[in-house]
PDB file of N, CA and C in Angstrom:
ATOM      1  N   MET A   1     -31.864  -2.912 -17.490  1.00  0.00           N
ATOM      2  CA  MET A   1     -30.791  -3.742 -17.015  1.00  0.00           C
ATOM      3  C   MET A   1     -30.185  -3.158 -15.732  1.00  0.00           C
ATOM      4  N   THR A   2     -30.378  -1.873 -15.501  1.00  0.00           N
ATOM      5  CA  THR A   2     -29.817  -1.235 -14.311  1.00  0.00           C
ATOM      6  C   THR A   2     -30.312  -1.901 -13.032  1.00  0.00           C
ATOM      7  N   GLU A   3     -31.566  -2.321 -13.020  1.00  0.00           N
ATOM      8  CA  GLU A   3     -32.113  -2.970 -11.823  1.00  0.00           C
ATOM      9  C   GLU A   3     -31.414  -4.298 -11.536  1.00  0.00           C
ATOM     10  N   LYS A   4     -31.089  -5.063 -12.580  1.00  0.00           N
ATOM     11  CA  LYS A   4     -30.359  -6.323 -12.389  1.00  0.00           C
ATOM     12  C   LYS A   4     -28.966  -6.041 -11.834  1.00  0.00           C
ATOM     13  N   ILE A   5     -28.335  -5.010 -12.360  1.00  0.00           N
ATOM     14  CA  ILE A   5     -26.994  -4.634 -11.906  1.00  0.00           C
ATOM     15  C   ILE A   5     -27.049  -4.230 -10.440  1.00  0.00           C
ATOM     16  N   LYS A   6     -28.024  -3.399 -10.088  1.00  0.00           N
ATOM     17  CA  LYS A   6     -28.159  -2.936  -8.708  1.00  0.00           C
ATOM     18  C   LYS A   6     -28.446  -4.093  -7.759  1.00  0.00           C
ATOM     19  N   ALA A   7     -29.322  -5.003  -8.156  1.00  0.00           N
ATOM     20  CA  ALA A   7     -29.654  -6.142  -7.299  1.00  0.00           C
ATOM     21  C   ALA A   7     -28.418  -7.001  -7.028  1.00  0.00           C
ATOM     22  N   LEU A   8     -27.621  -7.245  -8.065  1.00  0.00           N
ATOM     23  CA  LEU A   8     -26.407  -8.042  -7.884  1.00  0.00           C
ATOM     24  C   LEU A   8     -25.391  -7.301  -7.024  1.00  0.00           C
ATOM     25  N   ALA A   9     -25.222  -6.012  -7.261  1.00  0.00           N
ATOM     26  CA  ALA A   9     -24.275  -5.215  -6.473  1.00  0.00           C
ATOM     27  C   ALA A   9     -24.670  -5.195  -4.996  1.00  0.00           C
ATOM     28  N   GLN A  10     -25.962  -5.098  -4.720  1.00  0.00           N
ATOM     29  CA  GLN A  10     -26.426  -5.093  -3.332  1.00  0.00           C
ATOM     30  C   GLN A  10     -26.076  -6.402  -2.639  1.00  0.00           C
ATOM     31  N   VAL A  11     -26.238  -7.510  -3.347  1.00  0.00           N
ATOM     32  CA  VAL A  11     -25.927  -8.812  -2.763  1.00  0.00           C
ATOM     33  C   VAL A  11     -24.418  -8.987  -2.588  1.00  0.00           C
ATOM     34  N   LEU A  12     -23.659  -8.693  -3.640  1.00  0.00           N
ATOM     35  CA  LEU A  12     -22.213  -8.877  -3.585  1.00  0.00           C
ATOM     36  C   LEU A  12     -21.549  -7.955  -2.567  1.00  0.00           C
ATOM     37  N   GLY A  13     -22.007  -6.723  -2.501  1.00  0.00           N
ATOM     38  CA  GLY A  13     -21.369  -5.738  -1.637  1.00  0.00           C
ATOM     39  C   GLY A  13     -22.009  -5.579  -0.274  1.00  0.00           C
ATOM     40  N   GLN A  14     -23.101  -6.284  -0.029  1.00  0.00           N
ATOM     41  CA  GLN A  14     -23.835  -6.136   1.228  1.00  0.00           C
ATOM     42  C   GLN A  14     -23.978  -4.653   1.558  1.00  0.00           C
ATOM     43  N   VAL A  15     -24.530  -3.923   0.609  1.00  0.00           N
ATOM     44  CA  VAL A  15     -24.622  -2.465   0.683  1.00  0.00           C
ATOM     45  C   VAL A  15     -25.686  -2.053   1.700  1.00  0.00           C
ATOM     46  N   PRO A  16     -25.306  -1.204   2.660  1.00  0.00           N
ATOM     47  CA  PRO A  16     -26.291  -0.740   3.647  1.00  0.00           C
ATOM     48  C   PRO A  16     -27.352   0.151   3.016  1.00  0.00           C
ATOM     49  N   GLU A  17     -28.479   0.241   3.668  1.00  0.00           N
ATOM     50  CA  GLU A  17     -29.626   0.985   3.150  1.00  0.00           C
ATOM     51  C   GLU A  17     -29.296   2.449   2.860  1.00  0.00           C
ATOM     52  N   GLU A  18     -28.448   3.053   3.678  1.00  0.00           N
ATOM     53  CA  GLU A  18     -28.149   4.476   3.479  1.00  0.00           C
ATOM     54  C   GLU A  18     -27.340   4.738   2.208  1.00  0.00           C
ATOM     55  N   ASP A  19     -26.751   3.686   1.617  1.00  0.00           N
ATOM     56  CA  ASP A  19     -25.962   3.846   0.394  1.00  0.00           C
ATOM     57  C   ASP A  19     -26.715   3.419  -0.874  1.00  0.00           C
ATOM     58  N   GLU A  20     -27.978   3.019  -0.735  1.00  0.00           N
ATOM     59  CA  GLU A  20     -28.724   2.508  -1.881  1.00  0.00           C
ATOM     60  C   GLU A  20     -28.939   3.545  -2.975  1.00  0.00           C
ATOM     61  N   GLU A  21     -29.176   4.789  -2.621  1.00  0.00           N
ATOM     62  CA  GLU A  21     -29.389   5.837  -3.629  1.00  0.00           C
ATOM     63  C   GLU A  21     -28.103   6.067  -4.426  1.00  0.00           C
ATOM     64  N   ALA A  22     -26.983   6.131  -3.723  1.00  0.00           N
ATOM     65  CA  ALA A  22     -25.697   6.296  -4.404  1.00  0.00           C
ATOM     66  C   ALA A  22     -25.401   5.086  -5.275  1.00  0.00           C
ATOM     67  N   LEU A  23     -25.701   3.901  -4.768  1.00  0.00           N
ATOM     68  CA  LEU A  23     -25.462   2.682  -5.540  1.00  0.00           C
ATOM     69  C   LEU A  23     -26.276   2.681  -6.831  1.00  0.00           C
ATOM     70  N   ALA A  24     -27.518   3.109  -6.765  1.00  0.00           N
ATOM     71  CA  ALA A  24     -28.367   3.151  -7.964  1.00  0.00           C
ATOM     72  C   ALA A  24     -27.750   4.052  -9.034  1.00  0.00           C
ATOM     73  N   ALA A  25     -27.268   5.223  -8.619  1.00  0.00           N
ATOM     74  CA  ALA A  25     -26.642   6.148  -9.572  1.00  0.00           C
ATOM     75  C   ALA A  25     -25.353   5.556 -10.134  1.00  0.00           C
ATOM     76  N   LEU A  26     -24.571   4.910  -9.291  1.00  0.00           N
ATOM     77  CA  LEU A  26     -23.314   4.308  -9.751  1.00  0.00           C
ATOM     78  C   LEU A  26     -23.562   3.125 -10.685  1.00  0.00           C
ATOM     79  N   CYS A  27     -24.618   2.370 -10.449  1.00  0.00           N
ATOM     80  CA  CYS A  27     -24.967   1.259 -11.341  1.00  0.00           C
ATOM     81  C   CYS A  27     -25.367   1.779 -12.723  1.00  0.00           C
ATOM     82  N   ALA A  28     -26.143   2.856 -12.756  1.00  0.00           N
ATOM     83  CA  ALA A  28     -26.531   3.455 -14.039  1.00  0.00           C
ATOM     84  C   ALA A  28     -25.300   3.973 -14.778  1.00  0.00           C
ATOM     85  N   ALA A  29     -24.382   4.586 -14.041  1.00  0.00           N
ATOM     86  CA  ALA A  29     -23.149   5.092 -14.662  1.00  0.00           C
ATOM     87  C   ALA A  29     -22.285   3.947 -15.178  1.00  0.00           C
ATOM     88  N   ALA A  30     -22.203   2.857 -14.423  1.00  0.00           N
ATOM     89  CA  ALA A  30     -21.414   1.697 -14.850  1.00  0.00           C
ATOM     90  C   ALA A  30     -22.008   1.080 -16.113  1.00  0.00           C
ATOM     91  N   GLU A  31     -23.330   1.002 -16.169  1.00  0.00           N
ATOM     92  CA  GLU A  31     -23.990   0.475 -17.357  1.00  0.00           C
ATOM     93  C   GLU A  31     -23.677   1.343 -18.573  1.00  0.00           C
ATOM     94  N   THR A  32     -23.761   2.644 -18.409  1.00  0.00           N
ATOM     95  CA  THR A  32     -23.464   3.571 -19.503  1.00  0.00           C
ATOM     96  C   THR A  32     -22.018   3.431 -19.955  1.00  0.00           C
ATOM     97  N   GLU A  33     -21.100   3.335 -19.011  1.00  0.00           N
ATOM     98  CA  GLU A  33     -19.681   3.182 -19.341  1.00  0.00           C
ATOM     99  C   GLU A  33     -19.426   1.915 -20.155  1.00  0.00           C
ATOM    100  N   LEU A  34     -19.979   0.802 -19.703  1.00  0.00           N
ATOM    101  CA  LEU A  34     -19.754  -0.457 -20.415  1.00  0.00           C
ATOM    102  C   LEU A  34     -20.439  -0.477 -21.781  1.00  0.00           C
ATOM    103  N   ARG A  35     -21.656   0.045 -21.851  1.00  0.00           N
ATOM    104  CA  ARG A  35     -22.349   0.095 -23.148  1.00  0.00           C
ATOM    105  C   ARG A  35     -21.544   0.910 -24.154  1.00  0.00           C
ATOM    106  N   GLY A  36     -20.960   1.996 -23.697  1.00  0.00           N
ATOM    107  CA  GLY A  36     -20.175   2.857 -24.573  1.00  0.00           C
ATOM    108  C   GLY A  36     -18.898   2.212 -25.084  1.00  0.00           C
ATOM    109  N   GLY A  37     -18.430   1.195 -24.391  1.00  0.00           N
ATOM    110  CA  GLY A  37     -17.195   0.540 -24.796  1.00  0.00           C
ATOM    111  C   GLY A  37     -17.385  -0.747 -25.579  1.00  0.00           C
ATOM    112  N   LEU A  38     -18.644  -1.161 -25.782  1.00  0.00           N
ATOM    113  CA  LEU A  38     -18.896  -2.423 -26.489  1.00  0.00           C
ATOM    114  C   LEU A  38     -18.475  -2.340 -27.954  1.00  0.00           C
ATOM    115  N   ARG A  39     -18.003  -3.474 -28.469  1.00  0.00           N
ATOM    116  CA  ARG A  39     -17.671  -3.543 -29.891  1.00  0.00           C
ATOM    117  C   ARG A  39     -18.942  -3.335 -30.704  1.00  0.00           C
ATOM    118  N   ALA A  40     -18.787  -2.814 -31.901  1.00  0.00           N
ATOM    119  CA  ALA A  40     -19.919  -2.534 -32.790  1.00  0.00           C
ATOM    120  C   ALA A  40     -20.754  -3.796 -33.012  1.00  0.00           C
ATOM    121  N   GLY A  41     -22.054  -3.626 -32.946  1.00  0.00           N
ATOM    122  CA  GLY A  41     -22.976  -4.716 -33.233  1.00  0.00           C
ATOM    123  C   GLY A  41     -23.326  -5.588 -32.038  1.00  0.00           C
ATOM    124  N   LEU A  42     -22.664  -5.399 -30.909  1.00  0.00           N
ATOM    125  CA  LEU A  42     -22.969  -6.213 -29.734  1.00  0.00           C
ATOM    126  C   LEU A  42     -24.079  -5.568 -28.915  1.00  0.00           C
ATOM    127  N   ASP A  43     -24.970  -6.400 -28.435  1.00  0.00           N
ATOM    128  CA  ASP A  43     -26.060  -5.963 -27.574  1.00  0.00           C
ATOM    129  C   ASP A  43     -25.885  -6.690 -26.238  1.00  0.00           C
ATOM    130  N   PRO A  44     -25.788  -5.973 -25.127  1.00  0.00           N
ATOM    131  CA  PRO A  44     -25.515  -6.643 -23.861  1.00  0.00           C
ATOM    132  C   PRO A  44     -26.603  -7.635 -23.444  1.00  0.00           C
ATOM    133  N   GLU A  45     -27.848  -7.339 -23.741  1.00  0.00           N
ATOM    134  CA  GLU A  45     -28.926  -8.257 -23.375  1.00  0.00           C
ATOM    135  C   GLU A  45     -28.858  -9.549 -24.177  1.00  0.00           C
ATOM    136  N   ARG A  46     -28.407  -9.466 -25.405  1.00  0.00           N
ATOM    137  CA  ARG A  46     -28.383 -10.616 -26.300  1.00  0.00           C
ATOM    138  C   ARG A  46     -27.051 -11.357 -26.264  1.00  0.00           C
ATOM    139  N   ASP A  47     -25.944 -10.633 -26.211  1.00  0.00           N
ATOM    140  CA  ASP A  47     -24.638 -11.237 -26.440  1.00  0.00           C
ATOM    141  C   ASP A  47     -23.799 -11.525 -25.198  1.00  0.00           C
ATOM    142  N   CYS A  48     -24.027 -10.782 -24.111  1.00  0.00           N
ATOM    143  CA  CYS A  48     -23.117 -10.950 -22.968  1.00  0.00           C
ATOM    144  C   CYS A  48     -23.760 -10.529 -21.650  1.00  0.00           C
ATOM    145  N   GLU A  49     -25.032 -10.819 -21.476  1.00  0.00           N
ATOM    146  CA  GLU A  49     -25.758 -10.295 -20.319  1.00  0.00           C
ATOM    147  C   GLU A  49     -25.127 -10.680 -18.982  1.00  0.00           C
ATOM    148  N   GLY A  50     -24.774 -11.940 -18.807  1.00  0.00           N
ATOM    149  CA  GLY A  50     -24.199 -12.366 -17.530  1.00  0.00           C
ATOM    150  C   GLY A  50     -22.920 -11.624 -17.184  1.00  0.00           C
ATOM    151  N   ALA A  51     -22.000 -11.569 -18.137  1.00  0.00           N
ATOM    152  CA  ALA A  51     -20.735 -10.870 -17.916  1.00  0.00           C
ATOM    153  C   ALA A  51     -20.973  -9.379 -17.736  1.00  0.00           C
ATOM    154  N   PHE A  52     -21.880  -8.814 -18.507  1.00  0.00           N
ATOM    155  CA  PHE A  52     -22.171  -7.385 -18.459  1.00  0.00           C
ATOM    156  C   PHE A  52     -22.701  -6.981 -17.079  1.00  0.00           C
ATOM    157  N   VAL A  53     -23.670  -7.724 -16.580  1.00  0.00           N
ATOM    158  CA  VAL A  53     -24.272  -7.413 -15.281  1.00  0.00           C
ATOM    159  C   VAL A  53     -23.223  -7.554 -14.177  1.00  0.00           C
ATOM    160  N   GLN A  54     -22.441  -8.628 -14.221  1.00  0.00           N
ATOM    161  CA  GLN A  54     -21.397  -8.842 -13.218  1.00  0.00           C
ATOM    162  C   GLN A  54     -20.367  -7.713 -13.246  1.00  0.00           C
ATOM    163  N   ALA A  55     -19.879  -7.390 -14.425  1.00  0.00           N
ATOM    164  CA  ALA A  55     -18.857  -6.351 -14.564  1.00  0.00           C
ATOM    165  C   ALA A  55     -19.385  -4.983 -14.118  1.00  0.00           C
ATOM    166  N   ALA A  56     -20.603  -4.656 -14.492  1.00  0.00           N
ATOM    167  CA  ALA A  56     -21.185  -3.368 -14.100  1.00  0.00           C
ATOM    168  C   ALA A  56     -21.375  -3.303 -12.584  1.00  0.00           C
ATOM    169  N   ALA A  57     -21.784  -4.404 -11.968  1.00  0.00           N
ATOM    170  CA  ALA A  57     -21.930  -4.439 -10.507  1.00  0.00           C
ATOM    171  C   ALA A  57     -20.574  -4.205  -9.845  1.00  0.00           C
ATOM    172  N   TRP A  58     -19.522  -4.841 -10.364  1.00  0.00           N
ATOM    173  CA  TRP A  58     -18.178  -4.638  -9.818  1.00  0.00           C
ATOM    174  C   TRP A  58     -17.730  -3.189  -9.978  1.00  0.00           C
ATOM    175  N   LEU A  59     -18.003  -2.589 -11.139  1.00  0.00           N
ATOM    176  CA  LEU A  59     -17.634  -1.185 -11.353  1.00  0.00           C
ATOM    177  C   LEU A  59     -18.342  -0.275 -10.345  1.00  0.00           C
ATOM    178  N   ALA A  60     -19.624  -0.517 -10.134  1.00  0.00           N
ATOM    179  CA  ALA A  60     -20.393   0.304  -9.200  1.00  0.00           C
ATOM    180  C   ALA A  60     -19.878   0.132  -7.770  1.00  0.00           C
ATOM    181  N   LEU A  61     -19.598  -1.098  -7.374  1.00  0.00           N
ATOM    182  CA  LEU A  61     -19.086  -1.338  -6.027  1.00  0.00           C
ATOM    183  C   LEU A  61     -17.706  -0.723  -5.831  1.00  0.00           C
ATOM    184  N   ASP A  62     -16.875  -0.779  -6.854  1.00  0.00           N
ATOM    185  CA  ASP A  62     -15.556  -0.166  -6.789  1.00  0.00           C
ATOM    186  C   ASP A  62     -15.691   1.339  -6.593  1.00  0.00           C
ATOM    187  N   ALA A  63     -16.566   1.964  -7.362  1.00  0.00           N
ATOM    188  CA  ALA A  63     -16.776   3.411  -7.245  1.00  0.00           C
ATOM    189  C   ALA A  63     -17.350   3.774  -5.880  1.00  0.00           C
ATOM    190  N   LEU A  64     -18.262   2.962  -5.378  1.00  0.00           N
ATOM    191  CA  LEU A  64     -18.853   3.222  -4.063  1.00  0.00           C
ATOM    192  C   LEU A  64     -17.792   3.145  -2.974  1.00  0.00           C
ATOM    193  N   ALA A  65     -16.956   2.120  -3.031  1.00  0.00           N
ATOM    194  CA  ALA A  65     -15.904   1.962  -2.025  1.00  0.00           C
ATOM    195  C   ALA A  65     -14.896   3.099  -2.091  1.00  0.00           C
ATOM    196  N   ARG A  66     -14.521   3.506  -3.292  1.00  0.00           N
ATOM    197  CA  ARG A  66     -13.555   4.599  -3.435  1.00  0.00           C
ATOM    198  C   ARG A  66     -14.139   5.932  -2.999  1.00  0.00           C
ATOM    199  N   GLY A  67     -15.431   6.102  -3.197  1.00  0.00           N
ATOM    200  CA  GLY A  67     -16.073   7.352  -2.825  1.00  0.00           C
ATOM    201  C   GLY A  67     -16.289   7.507  -1.331  1.00  0.00           C
ATOM    202  N   LYS A  68     -16.421   6.412  -0.639  1.00  0.00           N
ATOM    203  CA  LYS A  68     -16.689   6.479   0.800  1.00  0.00           C
ATOM    204  C   LYS A  68     -15.473   6.943   1.589  1.00  0.00           C
ATOM    205  N   ARG A  69     -14.325   6.366   1.281  1.00  0.00           N
ATOM    206  CA  ARG A  69     -13.105   6.731   1.991  1.00  0.00           C
ATOM    207  C   ARG A  69     -11.965   6.785   0.995  1.00  0.00           C
ATOM    208  N   ALA A  70     -11.449   7.941   0.742  1.00  0.00           N
ATOM    209  CA  ALA A  70     -10.365   8.083  -0.227  1.00  0.00           C
ATOM    210  C   ALA A  70      -9.129   7.297   0.176  1.00  0.00           C
ATOM    211  N   ASP A  71      -8.891   7.138   1.492  1.00  0.00           N
ATOM    212  CA  ASP A  71      -7.705   6.420   1.931  1.00  0.00           C
ATOM    213  C   ASP A  71      -7.937   4.916   2.029  1.00  0.00           C
ATOM    214  N   GLY A  72      -9.202   4.474   1.883  1.00  0.00           N
ATOM    215  CA  GLY A  72      -9.509   3.056   1.906  1.00  0.00           C
ATOM    216  C   GLY A  72      -9.574   2.449   3.286  1.00  0.00           C
ATOM    217  N   VAL A  73      -9.387   3.238   4.334  1.00  0.00           N
ATOM    218  CA  VAL A  73      -9.414   2.709   5.690  1.00  0.00           C
ATOM    219  C   VAL A  73     -10.857   2.429   6.075  1.00  0.00           C
ATOM    220  N   THR A  74     -11.119   1.197   6.502  1.00  0.00           N
ATOM    221  CA  THR A  74     -12.473   0.817   6.894  1.00  0.00           C
ATOM    222  C   THR A  74     -12.608   0.652   8.397  1.00  0.00           C
ATOM    223  N   ALA A  75     -11.483   0.450   9.109  1.00  0.00           N
ATOM    224  CA  ALA A  75     -11.543   0.289  10.563  1.00  0.00           C
ATOM    225  C   ALA A  75     -10.183   0.595  11.176  1.00  0.00           C
ATOM    226  N   VAL A  76     -10.216   1.177  12.373  1.00  0.00           N
ATOM    227  CA  VAL A  76      -9.004   1.416  13.154  1.00  0.00           C
ATOM    228  C   VAL A  76      -9.308   0.991  14.575  1.00  0.00           C
ATOM    229  N   THR A  77      -8.418   0.197  15.187  1.00  0.00           N
ATOM    230  CA  THR A  77      -8.589  -0.253  16.558  1.00  0.00           C
ATOM    231  C   THR A  77      -7.416   0.251  17.378  1.00  0.00           C
ATOM    232  N   ALA A  78      -7.662   0.812  18.550  1.00  0.00           N
ATOM    233  CA  ALA A  78      -6.576   1.356  19.371  1.00  0.00           C
ATOM    234  C   ALA A  78      -5.840   0.266  20.143  1.00  0.00           C
ATOM    235  N   GLY A  79      -6.554  -0.632  20.812  1.00  0.00           N
ATOM    236  CA  GLY A  79      -5.911  -1.726  21.548  1.00  0.00           C
ATOM    237  C   GLY A  79      -5.318  -2.740  20.590  1.00  0.00           C
ATOM    238  N   ASP A  80      -4.031  -3.010  20.710  1.00  0.00           N
ATOM    239  CA  ASP A  80      -3.300  -3.891  19.779  1.00  0.00           C
ATOM    240  C   ASP A  80      -3.300  -3.333  18.366  1.00  0.00           C
ATOM    241  N   PHE A  81      -3.478  -2.092  18.224  1.00  0.00           N
ATOM    242  CA  PHE A  81      -3.492  -1.309  16.974  1.00  0.00           C
ATOM    243  C   PHE A  81      -3.727  -2.125  15.705  1.00  0.00           C
ATOM    244  N   THR A  82      -4.892  -1.967  15.114  1.00  0.00           N
ATOM    245  CA  THR A  82      -5.279  -2.631  13.875  1.00  0.00           C
ATOM    246  C   THR A  82      -5.784  -1.585  12.893  1.00  0.00           C
ATOM    247  N   VAL A  83      -5.343  -1.682  11.648  1.00  0.00           N
ATOM    248  CA  VAL A  83      -5.865  -0.831  10.581  1.00  0.00           C
ATOM    249  C   VAL A  83      -6.320  -1.753   9.465  1.00  0.00           C
ATOM    250  N   ARG A  84      -7.559  -1.578   9.011  1.00  0.00           N
ATOM    251  CA  ARG A  84      -8.074  -2.378   7.905  1.00  0.00           C
ATOM    252  C   ARG A  84      -8.305  -1.462   6.723  1.00  0.00           C
ATOM    253  N   ARG A  85      -7.944  -1.956   5.544  1.00  0.00           N
ATOM    254  CA  ARG A  85      -8.138  -1.186   4.319  1.00  0.00           C
ATOM    255  C   ARG A  85      -8.926  -2.014   3.332  1.00  0.00           C
ATOM    256  N   THR A  86      -9.622  -1.317   2.417  1.00  0.00           N
ATOM    257  CA  THR A  86     -10.333  -2.021   1.357  1.00  0.00           C
ATOM    258  C   THR A  86      -9.316  -2.624   0.404  1.00  0.00           C
ATOM    259  N   ALA A  87      -9.721  -3.667  -0.328  1.00  0.00           N
ATOM    260  CA  ALA A  87      -8.809  -4.318  -1.273  1.00  0.00           C
ATOM    261  C   ALA A  87      -8.321  -3.347  -2.334  1.00  0.00           C
ATOM    262  N   ALA A  88      -9.209  -2.471  -2.804  1.00  0.00           N
ATOM    263  CA  ALA A  88      -8.828  -1.517  -3.840  1.00  0.00           C
ATOM    264  C   ALA A  88      -7.763  -0.555  -3.331  1.00  0.00           C
ATOM    265  N   ALA A  89      -7.914  -0.103  -2.089  1.00  0.00           N
ATOM    266  CA  ALA A  89      -6.945   0.838  -1.540  1.00  0.00           C
ATOM    267  C   ALA A  89      -5.654   0.140  -1.156  1.00  0.00           C
ATOM    268  N   ALA A  90      -5.713  -1.151  -0.871  1.00  0.00           N
ATOM    269  CA  ALA A  90      -4.530  -1.889  -0.451  1.00  0.00           C
ATOM    270  C   ALA A  90      -3.634  -2.238  -1.626  1.00  0.00           C
ATOM    271  N   GLY A  91      -4.020  -1.874  -2.815  1.00  0.00           N
ATOM    272  CA  GLY A  91      -3.176  -2.095  -3.976  1.00  0.00           C
ATOM    273  C   GLY A  91      -3.437  -3.421  -4.672  1.00  0.00           C
ATOM    274  N   GLY A  92      -4.532  -4.082  -4.313  1.00  0.00           N
ATOM    275  CA  GLY A  92      -4.869  -5.321  -4.986  1.00  0.00           C
ATOM    276  C   GLY A  92      -5.321  -5.047  -6.407  1.00  0.00           C
ATOM    277  N   GLU A  93      -5.717  -6.085  -7.110  1.00  0.00           N
ATOM    278  CA  GLU A  93      -6.124  -5.909  -8.503  1.00  0.00           C
ATOM    279  C   GLU A  93      -7.323  -4.992  -8.615  1.00  0.00           C
ATOM    280  N   GLY A  94      -8.216  -5.055  -7.664  1.00  0.00           N
ATOM    281  CA  GLY A  94      -9.360  -4.157  -7.655  1.00  0.00           C
ATOM    282  C   GLY A  94     -10.486  -4.636  -8.551  1.00  0.00           C
ATOM    283  N   LEU A  95     -11.685  -4.253  -8.176  1.00  0.00           N
ATOM    284  CA  LEU A  95     -12.876  -4.668  -8.912  1.00  0.00           C
ATOM    285  C   LEU A  95     -12.926  -4.078 -10.314  1.00  0.00           C
ATOM    286  N   ARG A  96     -12.405  -2.869 -10.484  1.00  0.00           N
ATOM    287  CA  ARG A  96     -12.425  -2.243 -11.817  1.00  0.00           C
ATOM    288  C   ARG A  96     -11.618  -3.080 -12.811  1.00  0.00           C
ATOM    289  N   LYS A  97     -10.449  -3.530 -12.423  1.00  0.00           N
ATOM    290  CA  LYS A  97      -9.631  -4.348 -13.327  1.00  0.00           C
ATOM    291  C   LYS A  97     -10.291  -5.702 -13.595  1.00  0.00           C
ATOM    292  N   LEU A  98     -10.902  -6.276 -12.578  1.00  0.00           N
ATOM    293  CA  LEU A  98     -11.612  -7.543 -12.781  1.00  0.00           C
ATOM    294  C   LEU A  98     -12.767  -7.368 -13.761  1.00  0.00           C
ATOM    295  N   ALA A  99     -13.491  -6.265 -13.619  1.00  0.00           N
ATOM    296  CA  ALA A  99     -14.611  -5.995 -14.523  1.00  0.00           C
ATOM    297  C   ALA A  99     -14.117  -5.846 -15.958  1.00  0.00           C
ATOM    298  N   ARG A 100     -13.028  -5.115 -16.143  1.00  0.00           N
ATOM    299  CA  ARG A 100     -12.474  -4.924 -17.491  1.00  0.00           C
ATOM    300  C   ARG A 100     -11.991  -6.246 -18.071  1.00  0.00           C
ATOM    301  N   ARG A 101     -11.395  -7.079 -17.249  1.00  0.00           N
ATOM    302  CA  ARG A 101     -10.927  -8.381 -17.727  1.00  0.00           C
ATOM    303  C   ARG A 101     -12.107  -9.268 -18.128  1.00  0.00           C
ATOM    304  N   LEU A 102     -13.160  -9.248 -17.334  1.00  0.00           N
ATOM    305  CA  LEU A 102     -14.348 -10.049 -17.637  1.00  0.00           C
ATOM    306  C   LEU A 102     -14.989  -9.621 -18.953  1.00  0.00           C
ATOM    307  N   MET A 103     -15.013  -8.321 -19.203  1.00  0.00           N
ATOM    308  CA  MET A 103     -15.653  -7.798 -20.407  1.00  0.00           C
ATOM    309  C   MET A 103     -14.714  -7.698 -21.609  1.00  0.00           C
ATOM    310  N   ALA A 104     -13.459  -8.027 -21.448  1.00  0.00           N
ATOM    311  CA  ALA A 104     -12.469  -7.875 -22.526  1.00  0.00           C
ATOM    312  C   ALA A 104     -12.911  -8.455 -23.866  1.00  0.00           C
ATOM    313  N   PRO A 105     -13.525  -9.636 -23.909  1.00  0.00           N
ATOM    314  CA  PRO A 105     -13.930 -10.166 -25.216  1.00  0.00           C
ATOM    315  C   PRO A 105     -15.010  -9.348 -25.923  1.00  0.00           C
ATOM    316  N   TYR A 106     -15.700  -8.490 -25.181  1.00  0.00           N
ATOM    317  CA  TYR A 106     -16.830  -7.754 -25.737  1.00  0.00           C
ATOM    318  C   TYR A 106     -16.539  -6.269 -25.961  1.00  0.00           C
ATOM    319  N   LEU A 107     -15.440  -5.775 -25.406  1.00  0.00           N
ATOM    320  CA  LEU A 107     -15.129  -4.356 -25.492  1.00  0.00           C
ATOM    321  C   LEU A 107     -14.181  -4.053 -26.641  1.00  0.00           C
ATOM    322  N   ARG A 108     -14.315  -2.826 -27.175  1.00  0.00           N
ATOM    323  CA  ARG A 108     -13.358  -2.363 -28.174  1.00  0.00           C
ATOM    324  C   ARG A 108     -11.987  -2.285 -27.525  1.00  0.00           C
ATOM    325  N   ASP A 109     -10.969  -2.530 -28.300  1.00  0.00           N
ATOM    326  CA  ASP A 109      -9.614  -2.426 -27.788  1.00  0.00           C
ATOM    327  C   ASP A 109      -9.248  -0.955 -27.708  1.00  0.00           C
ATOM    328  N   GLY A 110      -8.978  -0.471 -26.526  1.00  0.00           N
ATOM    329  CA  GLY A 110      -8.633   0.925 -26.351  1.00  0.00           C
ATOM    330  C   GLY A 110      -7.137   1.141 -26.207  1.00  0.00           C
ATOM    331  N   GLU A 111      -6.347   0.117 -26.510  1.00  0.00           N
ATOM    332  CA  GLU A 111      -4.913   0.216 -26.353  1.00  0.00           C
ATOM    333  C   GLU A 111      -4.283   0.971 -27.535  1.00  0.00           C
ATOM    334  N   PHE A 112      -3.146   1.557 -27.293  1.00  0.00           N
ATOM    335  CA  PHE A 112      -2.404   2.282 -28.299  1.00  0.00           C
ATOM    336  C   PHE A 112      -1.616   1.308 -29.179  1.00  0.00           C
ATOM    337  N   CYS A 113      -1.548   1.563 -30.446  1.00  0.00           N
ATOM    338  CA  CYS A 113      -0.703   0.754 -31.329  1.00  0.00           C
ATOM    339  C   CYS A 113      -0.212   1.600 -32.493  1.00  0.00           C
ATOM    340  N   PHE A 114       0.938   1.238 -33.026  1.00  0.00           N
ATOM    341  CA  PHE A 114       1.470   1.900 -34.227  1.00  0.00           C
ATOM    342  C   PHE A 114       0.879   1.219 -35.452  1.00  0.00           C
ATOM    343  N   ARG A 115       0.430   1.973 -36.417  1.00  0.00           N
ATOM    344  CA  ARG A 115      -0.078   1.423 -37.669  1.00  0.00           C
ATOM    345  C   ARG A 115       0.999   1.508 -38.762  1.00  0.00           C
ATOM    346  N   GLY A 116       1.988   2.306 -38.538  1.00  0.00           N
ATOM    347  CA  GLY A 116       3.076   2.455 -39.505  1.00  0.00           C
ATOM    348  C   GLY A 116       3.857   3.720 -39.221  1.00  0.00           C
ATOM    349  N   VAL A 117       5.101   3.701 -39.557  1.00  0.00           N
ATOM    350  CA  VAL A 117       5.950   4.861 -39.316  1.00  0.00           C
ATOM    351  C   VAL A 117       6.596   5.223 -40.649  1.00  0.00           C
ATOM    352  N   PRO A 118       6.333   6.456 -41.129  1.00  0.00           N
ATOM    353  CA  PRO A 118       6.976   6.847 -42.401  1.00  0.00           C
ATOM    354  C   PRO A 118       8.496   6.829 -42.238  1.00  0.00           C
ATOM    355  N   GLY A 119       9.179   6.276 -43.219  1.00  0.00           N
ATOM    356  CA  GLY A 119      10.621   6.109 -43.092  1.00  0.00           C
ATOM    357  C   GLY A 119      11.376   7.066 -43.900  1.00  0.00           C
TER     358      GLY A 119
END
């Protein structure tokens, strides 16, 4: 499934050739992360392949973008001064949150909750 994830990430992110090796590793890591969070009994190929591939591609692209420039700056222009930042660095929802939202129906709930308090 890693190849499907990588192919989608390359298309969505228009990833340059020099970043393909890093993208492949990040796609494998994203697949492992999502597989580890699936609810018991779910198989990504059988139960949620479309969402799984999309979410993993978003996770990989998010990691690639964050790894390239920690400050998120993608361009600076001196004349008429322009600074461009990636969406993740600009404080937007970010691809990681979108991926988690897309996979929410298939992932174990990792939120904290009280089961009872002795009185």
